[in-house]
Amino acid sequence: MVAVPESHTGWTFITSHARVLASIADNPNVRIRDIAARCRLTERAVARIISDLEQDGYLSHTRDGRTNIYRIEPDKVLRHPAEAGLSVASLLSLLVQDETERIGQPAAQ
């Protein structure tokens, strides 16, 4: 698991729903516990957010034994009228970092 940043107070630019979606995009097999730690949310809040995303068709999951495998719908458009026409994929392209960038190692050539 990636190191969890220190907690933050005050407002932020990114919603909890976007953070959870980005965590899932990084690892479709991620556990709710790990999403919660990474996003600084409770496990219950993450489960509620995942339910919201699934209910509106942005996310689905299948079970593989005891593991959930999530699937994001990249072509689904964002909900707010100000982002009309922008897809989930365009949002995630801004939020999801290549693993080599996140851990500060040079990319393989």
N, C-alpha and C. Protein backbone atom coordinates (compact mmCIF):
# COMPACT_ATOMS: atom_id res chain seq x y z
N MET A 1 0.84 -1.17 0.00
CA MET A 1 0.00 0.00 0.00
C MET A 1 0.89 1.24 0.00
N VAL A 2 0.43 2.30 -0.67
CA VAL A 2 1.14 3.55 -0.76
C VAL A 2 1.03 4.28 0.56
N ALA A 3 2.09 5.02 0.93
CA ALA A 3 2.06 5.78 2.17
C ALA A 3 0.91 6.77 2.15
N VAL A 4 0.25 6.90 3.27
CA VAL A 4 -0.92 7.77 3.39
C VAL A 4 -0.45 9.15 3.82
N PRO A 5 -0.87 10.21 3.10
CA PRO A 5 -0.46 11.56 3.50
C PRO A 5 -1.10 11.97 4.82
N GLU A 6 -0.54 12.99 5.43
CA GLU A 6 -1.08 13.50 6.68
C GLU A 6 -2.50 14.01 6.47
N SER A 7 -3.28 14.05 7.54
CA SER A 7 -4.65 14.53 7.43
C SER A 7 -4.67 16.01 7.08
N HIS A 8 -5.80 16.46 6.56
CA HIS A 8 -5.93 17.83 6.09
C HIS A 8 -7.22 18.42 6.63
N THR A 9 -7.19 19.68 6.97
CA THR A 9 -8.40 20.37 7.39
C THR A 9 -8.71 21.47 6.39
N GLY A 10 -9.95 21.87 6.33
CA GLY A 10 -10.35 22.91 5.40
C GLY A 10 -10.84 22.32 4.08
N TRP A 11 -11.11 23.17 3.14
CA TRP A 11 -11.67 22.74 1.86
C TRP A 11 -10.58 22.20 0.93
N THR A 12 -11.01 21.41 -0.03
CA THR A 12 -10.09 20.87 -1.04
C THR A 12 -10.76 20.97 -2.41
N PHE A 13 -9.97 20.80 -3.47
CA PHE A 13 -10.49 20.91 -4.83
C PHE A 13 -11.19 19.63 -5.29
N ILE A 14 -10.81 18.51 -4.78
CA ILE A 14 -11.29 17.22 -5.27
C ILE A 14 -12.29 16.62 -4.27
N THR A 15 -13.43 16.13 -4.78
CA THR A 15 -14.43 15.53 -3.91
C THR A 15 -14.01 14.14 -3.45
N SER A 16 -14.65 13.66 -2.43
CA SER A 16 -14.40 12.30 -1.95
C SER A 16 -14.77 11.27 -3.01
N HIS A 17 -15.84 11.53 -3.77
CA HIS A 17 -16.24 10.60 -4.84
C HIS A 17 -15.13 10.49 -5.88
N ALA A 18 -14.53 11.61 -6.24
CA ALA A 18 -13.43 11.59 -7.23
C ALA A 18 -12.21 10.87 -6.66
N ARG A 19 -11.92 11.08 -5.39
CA ARG A 19 -10.77 10.40 -4.77
C ARG A 19 -10.96 8.89 -4.75
N VAL A 20 -12.16 8.45 -4.39
CA VAL A 20 -12.44 7.02 -4.35
C VAL A 20 -12.33 6.43 -5.76
N LEU A 21 -12.90 7.11 -6.74
CA LEU A 21 -12.83 6.64 -8.12
C LEU A 21 -11.38 6.55 -8.60
N ALA A 22 -10.56 7.54 -8.25
CA ALA A 22 -9.15 7.52 -8.64
C ALA A 22 -8.41 6.36 -7.96
N SER A 23 -8.74 6.07 -6.72
CA SER A 23 -8.11 4.94 -6.02
C SER A 23 -8.44 3.63 -6.71
N ILE A 24 -9.69 3.50 -7.13
CA ILE A 24 -10.11 2.29 -7.83
C ILE A 24 -9.45 2.21 -9.20
N ALA A 25 -9.31 3.35 -9.86
CA ALA A 25 -8.64 3.37 -11.17
C ALA A 25 -7.18 2.93 -11.04
N ASP A 26 -6.55 3.30 -9.94
CA ASP A 26 -5.16 2.87 -9.68
C ASP A 26 -5.06 1.37 -9.48
N ASN A 27 -6.08 0.78 -8.84
CA ASN A 27 -6.05 -0.65 -8.53
C ASN A 27 -7.47 -1.18 -8.46
N PRO A 28 -7.95 -1.83 -9.53
CA PRO A 28 -9.33 -2.32 -9.55
C PRO A 28 -9.64 -3.38 -8.48
N ASN A 29 -8.62 -3.94 -7.84
CA ASN A 29 -8.81 -4.96 -6.80
C ASN A 29 -8.66 -4.38 -5.40
N VAL A 30 -8.57 -3.07 -5.28
CA VAL A 30 -8.29 -2.44 -4.00
C VAL A 30 -9.39 -2.74 -2.99
N ARG A 31 -8.99 -2.89 -1.73
CA ARG A 31 -9.94 -3.14 -0.65
C ARG A 31 -10.51 -1.82 -0.13
N ILE A 32 -11.74 -1.86 0.35
CA ILE A 32 -12.37 -0.67 0.92
C ILE A 32 -11.50 -0.10 2.03
N ARG A 33 -10.91 -0.95 2.82
CA ARG A 33 -10.04 -0.51 3.92
C ARG A 33 -8.88 0.34 3.39
N ASP A 34 -8.29 -0.09 2.27
CA ASP A 34 -7.16 0.65 1.70
C ASP A 34 -7.60 1.96 1.05
N ILE A 35 -8.77 1.95 0.42
CA ILE A 35 -9.32 3.19 -0.15
C ILE A 35 -9.55 4.19 0.98
N ALA A 36 -10.14 3.72 2.06
CA ALA A 36 -10.44 4.59 3.20
C ALA A 36 -9.16 5.23 3.75
N ALA A 37 -8.12 4.43 3.91
CA ALA A 37 -6.86 4.96 4.42
C ALA A 37 -6.26 5.98 3.46
N ARG A 38 -6.27 5.66 2.20
CA ARG A 38 -5.68 6.56 1.20
C ARG A 38 -6.45 7.87 1.08
N CYS A 39 -7.77 7.80 1.14
CA CYS A 39 -8.62 8.98 0.95
C CYS A 39 -8.93 9.71 2.25
N ARG A 40 -8.46 9.15 3.37
CA ARG A 40 -8.74 9.71 4.69
C ARG A 40 -10.24 9.79 4.96
N LEU A 41 -10.91 8.67 4.68
CA LEU A 41 -12.35 8.53 4.92
C LEU A 41 -12.57 7.30 5.78
N THR A 42 -13.76 7.17 6.33
CA THR A 42 -14.10 5.94 7.04
C THR A 42 -14.46 4.87 6.02
N GLU A 43 -14.37 3.62 6.42
CA GLU A 43 -14.77 2.53 5.54
C GLU A 43 -16.24 2.64 5.18
N ARG A 44 -17.06 3.07 6.13
CA ARG A 44 -18.49 3.23 5.87
C ARG A 44 -18.73 4.31 4.80
N ALA A 45 -17.99 5.41 4.86
CA ALA A 45 -18.13 6.48 3.87
C ALA A 45 -17.71 5.97 2.48
N VAL A 46 -16.63 5.21 2.42
CA VAL A 46 -16.18 4.65 1.14
C VAL A 46 -17.24 3.70 0.58
N ALA A 47 -17.81 2.85 1.41
CA ALA A 47 -18.84 1.92 0.96
C ALA A 47 -20.04 2.69 0.41
N ARG A 48 -20.41 3.78 1.07
CA ARG A 48 -21.53 4.61 0.61
C ARG A 48 -21.21 5.27 -0.73
N ILE A 49 -19.98 5.75 -0.89
CA ILE A 49 -19.56 6.38 -2.14
C ILE A 49 -19.55 5.36 -3.27
N ILE A 50 -19.03 4.16 -3.00
CA ILE A 50 -19.03 3.11 -4.01
C ILE A 50 -20.46 2.78 -4.41
N SER A 51 -21.36 2.72 -3.45
CA SER A 51 -22.77 2.47 -3.74
C SER A 51 -23.34 3.57 -4.63
N ASP A 52 -23.04 4.83 -4.33
CA ASP A 52 -23.49 5.95 -5.17
C ASP A 52 -22.99 5.79 -6.60
N LEU A 53 -21.70 5.49 -6.74
CA LEU A 53 -21.10 5.37 -8.07
C LEU A 53 -21.68 4.20 -8.85
N GLU A 54 -21.96 3.10 -8.15
CA GLU A 54 -22.57 1.94 -8.81
C GLU A 54 -24.02 2.23 -9.20
N GLN A 55 -24.76 2.87 -8.32
CA GLN A 55 -26.17 3.17 -8.57
C GLN A 55 -26.33 4.05 -9.81
N ASP A 56 -25.41 4.98 -10.02
CA ASP A 56 -25.50 5.89 -11.16
C ASP A 56 -24.74 5.40 -12.39
N GLY A 57 -24.20 4.17 -12.32
CA GLY A 57 -23.59 3.56 -13.50
C GLY A 57 -22.16 3.95 -13.80
N TYR A 58 -21.47 4.58 -12.85
CA TYR A 58 -20.08 4.95 -13.06
C TYR A 58 -19.13 3.80 -12.73
N LEU A 59 -19.61 2.84 -12.00
CA LEU A 59 -18.78 1.78 -11.46
C LEU A 59 -19.61 0.51 -11.33
N SER A 60 -18.97 -0.63 -11.51
CA SER A 60 -19.60 -1.92 -11.23
C SER A 60 -18.53 -2.81 -10.61
N HIS A 61 -18.97 -3.92 -10.04
CA HIS A 61 -17.99 -4.84 -9.47
C HIS A 61 -18.45 -6.28 -9.65
N THR A 62 -17.47 -7.15 -9.65
CA THR A 62 -17.72 -8.59 -9.63
C THR A 62 -16.92 -9.16 -8.47
N ARG A 63 -17.35 -10.30 -7.99
CA ARG A 63 -16.65 -10.97 -6.90
C ARG A 63 -15.74 -12.05 -7.46
N ASP A 64 -14.55 -12.13 -6.94
CA ASP A 64 -13.61 -13.20 -7.24
C ASP A 64 -13.15 -13.75 -5.90
N GLY A 65 -13.84 -14.76 -5.42
CA GLY A 65 -13.57 -15.26 -4.08
C GLY A 65 -14.01 -14.22 -3.07
N ARG A 66 -13.07 -13.75 -2.26
CA ARG A 66 -13.37 -12.74 -1.26
C ARG A 66 -13.02 -11.33 -1.74
N THR A 67 -12.59 -11.22 -2.99
CA THR A 67 -12.13 -9.95 -3.53
C THR A 67 -13.15 -9.34 -4.49
N ASN A 68 -13.33 -8.04 -4.40
CA ASN A 68 -14.11 -7.31 -5.39
C ASN A 68 -13.18 -6.86 -6.50
N ILE A 69 -13.63 -6.98 -7.73
CA ILE A 69 -12.91 -6.44 -8.87
C ILE A 69 -13.83 -5.37 -9.46
N TYR A 70 -13.36 -4.12 -9.40
CA TYR A 70 -14.18 -3.00 -9.84
C TYR A 70 -13.91 -2.70 -11.31
N ARG A 71 -14.95 -2.20 -11.98
CA ARG A 71 -14.83 -1.77 -13.36
C ARG A 71 -15.45 -0.39 -13.47
N ILE A 72 -14.65 0.56 -13.94
CA ILE A 72 -15.09 1.94 -14.13
C ILE A 72 -15.61 2.09 -15.55
N GLU A 73 -16.67 2.83 -15.72
CA GLU A 73 -17.23 3.14 -17.04
C GLU A 73 -16.59 4.44 -17.53
N PRO A 74 -15.50 4.35 -18.32
CA PRO A 74 -14.72 5.54 -18.68
C PRO A 74 -15.46 6.52 -19.59
N ASP A 75 -16.46 6.07 -20.33
CA ASP A 75 -17.16 6.95 -21.26
C ASP A 75 -18.35 7.67 -20.64
N LYS A 76 -18.68 7.31 -19.42
CA LYS A 76 -19.81 7.96 -18.73
C LYS A 76 -19.45 9.44 -18.50
N VAL A 77 -20.40 10.33 -18.77
CA VAL A 77 -20.12 11.76 -18.62
C VAL A 77 -20.31 12.20 -17.18
N LEU A 78 -19.60 13.26 -16.81
CA LEU A 78 -19.67 13.79 -15.46
C LEU A 78 -21.04 14.42 -15.22
N ARG A 79 -21.43 14.50 -13.97
CA ARG A 79 -22.80 14.87 -13.61
C ARG A 79 -23.08 16.37 -13.64
N HIS A 80 -22.13 17.19 -13.32
CA HIS A 80 -22.40 18.63 -13.17
C HIS A 80 -22.51 19.31 -14.54
N PRO A 81 -23.49 20.19 -14.71
CA PRO A 81 -23.66 20.86 -16.01
C PRO A 81 -22.42 21.62 -16.49
N ALA A 82 -21.61 22.12 -15.57
CA ALA A 82 -20.40 22.85 -15.96
C ALA A 82 -19.38 21.94 -16.64
N GLU A 83 -19.47 20.63 -16.39
CA GLU A 83 -18.58 19.66 -17.03
C GLU A 83 -19.29 18.88 -18.12
N ALA A 84 -20.35 19.42 -18.66
CA ALA A 84 -21.14 18.73 -19.69
C ALA A 84 -20.23 18.26 -20.82
N GLY A 85 -20.34 16.98 -21.13
CA GLY A 85 -19.56 16.40 -22.22
C GLY A 85 -18.22 15.83 -21.80
N LEU A 86 -17.74 16.15 -20.60
CA LEU A 86 -16.47 15.57 -20.14
C LEU A 86 -16.73 14.18 -19.57
N SER A 87 -15.85 13.26 -19.90
CA SER A 87 -16.03 11.87 -19.47
C SER A 87 -15.27 11.59 -18.18
N VAL A 88 -15.61 10.47 -17.58
CA VAL A 88 -14.89 9.99 -16.41
C VAL A 88 -13.42 9.79 -16.76
N ALA A 89 -13.15 9.29 -17.96
CA ALA A 89 -11.76 9.07 -18.39
C ALA A 89 -10.96 10.37 -18.38
N SER A 90 -11.58 11.47 -18.78
CA SER A 90 -10.86 12.74 -18.79
C SER A 90 -10.55 13.20 -17.36
N LEU A 91 -11.47 12.98 -16.44
CA LEU A 91 -11.21 13.31 -15.03
C LEU A 91 -10.08 12.44 -14.48
N LEU A 92 -10.17 11.15 -14.73
CA LEU A 92 -9.15 10.24 -14.20
C LEU A 92 -7.78 10.49 -14.79
N SER A 93 -7.72 10.97 -16.03
CA SER A 93 -6.41 11.26 -16.63
C SER A 93 -5.68 12.35 -15.85
N LEU A 94 -6.43 13.20 -15.16
CA LEU A 94 -5.83 14.23 -14.32
C LEU A 94 -5.48 13.74 -12.92
N LEU A 95 -6.25 12.78 -12.42
CA LEU A 95 -6.12 12.36 -11.03
C LEU A 95 -5.22 11.16 -10.81
N VAL A 96 -5.17 10.26 -11.77
CA VAL A 96 -4.44 9.01 -11.58
C VAL A 96 -3.03 9.19 -12.13
N GLN A 97 -2.07 8.96 -11.26
CA GLN A 97 -0.67 9.09 -11.65
C GLN A 97 -0.10 7.73 -11.99
N ASP A 98 0.84 7.74 -12.89
CA ASP A 98 1.60 6.53 -13.16
C ASP A 98 2.32 6.15 -11.86
N GLU A 99 2.35 4.89 -11.55
CA GLU A 99 2.97 4.43 -10.30
C GLU A 99 4.40 4.92 -10.16
N THR A 100 5.14 4.99 -11.26
CA THR A 100 6.53 5.45 -11.18
C THR A 100 6.61 6.91 -10.77
N GLU A 101 5.65 7.73 -11.19
CA GLU A 101 5.62 9.13 -10.77
C GLU A 101 5.31 9.25 -9.29
N ARG A 102 4.37 8.44 -8.81
CA ARG A 102 3.94 8.53 -7.42
C ARG A 102 5.05 8.16 -6.45
N ILE A 103 5.84 7.16 -6.78
CA ILE A 103 6.88 6.72 -5.85
C ILE A 103 8.22 7.36 -6.16
N GLY A 104 8.25 8.24 -7.19
CA GLY A 104 9.45 9.03 -7.45
C GLY A 104 10.59 8.28 -8.10
N GLN A 105 10.29 7.22 -8.83
CA GLN A 105 11.35 6.49 -9.52
C GLN A 105 11.28 6.81 -11.01
N PRO A 106 12.43 6.79 -11.69
CA PRO A 106 12.40 7.04 -13.13
C PRO A 106 11.69 5.92 -13.84
N ALA A 107 10.93 6.28 -14.88
CA ALA A 107 10.21 5.29 -15.68
C ALA A 107 11.19 4.45 -16.47
N ALA A 108 10.83 3.18 -16.69
CA ALA A 108 11.67 2.29 -17.50
C ALA A 108 11.67 2.79 -18.94
N GLN A 109 12.81 2.76 -19.56
CA GLN A 109 12.94 3.23 -20.95
C GLN A 109 12.51 2.17 -21.91
